Protein backbone atom coordinates (compact mmCIF):
# COMPACT_ATOMS: atom_id res chain seq x y z
CA MET A 1 -0.20 -0.15 -0.15
CA GLY A 2 1.08 3.59 -1.08
CA GLN A 3 2.03 6.61 0.89
CA ILE A 4 1.45 10.50 0.85
CA ILE A 5 4.54 12.13 1.58
CA LEU A 6 4.41 15.74 2.46
CA ARG A 7 7.22 17.81 0.87
CA LEU A 8 6.55 21.29 2.98
CA ASP A 9 10.00 21.44 4.09
CA ARG A 10 11.33 21.22 0.68
CA VAL A 11 8.76 24.21 -0.47
CA MET A 12 9.46 25.98 2.14
CA ALA A 13 13.30 25.87 1.74
CA ASP A 14 12.61 26.82 -1.90
CA ARG A 15 10.79 30.06 -1.34
CA LYS A 16 13.41 30.98 1.63
CA MET A 17 10.42 30.88 4.71
CA SER A 18 10.96 29.90 8.08
CA LEU A 19 9.00 27.49 9.93
CA ASN A 20 7.26 30.94 12.15
CA GLU A 21 6.90 32.92 9.07
CA LEU A 22 4.39 30.59 7.54
CA ALA A 23 2.95 29.67 11.01
CA GLU A 24 2.24 33.27 11.06
CA LYS A 25 0.76 33.84 7.52
CA VAL A 26 -1.11 30.43 8.06
CA GLY A 27 -2.83 31.22 11.23
CA VAL A 28 -1.33 27.48 12.59
CA SER A 29 0.60 27.24 15.56
CA ASN A 30 4.74 26.42 15.14
CA VAL A 31 3.93 23.19 16.60
CA ASN A 32 1.42 21.62 14.28
CA LEU A 33 3.25 23.10 11.35
CA SER A 34 6.32 21.61 12.52
CA LYS A 35 4.68 17.84 12.86
CA MET A 36 2.93 18.48 9.05
CA LYS A 37 6.96 19.70 7.85
CA ASN A 38 8.17 16.44 9.25
CA GLY A 39 5.45 14.26 8.34
CA LYS A 40 3.81 13.39 11.26
CA ILE A 41 0.51 13.96 10.92
CA SER A 42 -2.32 11.58 9.26
CA ALA A 43 -4.61 13.94 7.96
CA ILE A 44 -5.40 17.74 6.77
CA ARG A 45 -8.06 20.73 6.75
CA PHE A 46 -8.64 21.44 3.00
CA SER A 47 -8.51 24.74 4.42
CA THR A 48 -5.24 24.87 5.77
CA LEU A 49 -3.57 23.39 2.39
CA GLU A 50 -5.29 25.79 0.79
CA ALA A 51 -3.77 28.47 3.56
CA ILE A 52 -0.63 26.99 3.12
CA CYS A 53 -0.42 27.28 -0.90
CA ASP A 54 -1.49 30.68 -1.13
CA ALA A 55 1.33 31.59 1.62
CA LEU A 56 3.51 29.86 -0.27
CA ASP A 57 2.76 30.42 -4.03
CA CYS A 58 2.30 26.72 -4.74
CA GLN A 59 -0.06 23.66 -5.95
CA PRO A 60 -1.01 20.90 -3.35
CA GLY A 61 0.93 19.23 -5.82
CA ASP A 62 3.83 20.77 -4.97
CA ILE A 63 3.38 19.61 -0.83
CA LEU A 64 1.73 16.23 -1.30
CA GLU A 65 3.30 13.22 -3.06
CA TYR A 66 1.60 9.78 -3.61
CA SER A 67 4.30 7.08 -3.25
CA LYS A 68 3.38 3.09 -3.88
CA GLU A 69 6.96 2.14 -1.81
C-alpha cells in the first residue's frame, strides 16, 4: 500500500520561508506546522492546505506526493 509524503520542508526551503513566518501567515501554531513539515500528521484540512498554498504560492501537488513504496 502506498503513502502520502509531505514535501512542505522542500517548498519552504525553495521559498526561503521560515517555520515561524509560515505559521504566522497560515494561522497555525508552530507545533502543528512542525508536525506537518516532518510528516507526523495523518490528516490535513483543506482550509489549512489552501492557506499554506496561498502563503507559499504553490499547488497542493508541490507539497503532497504519493509513493507506492
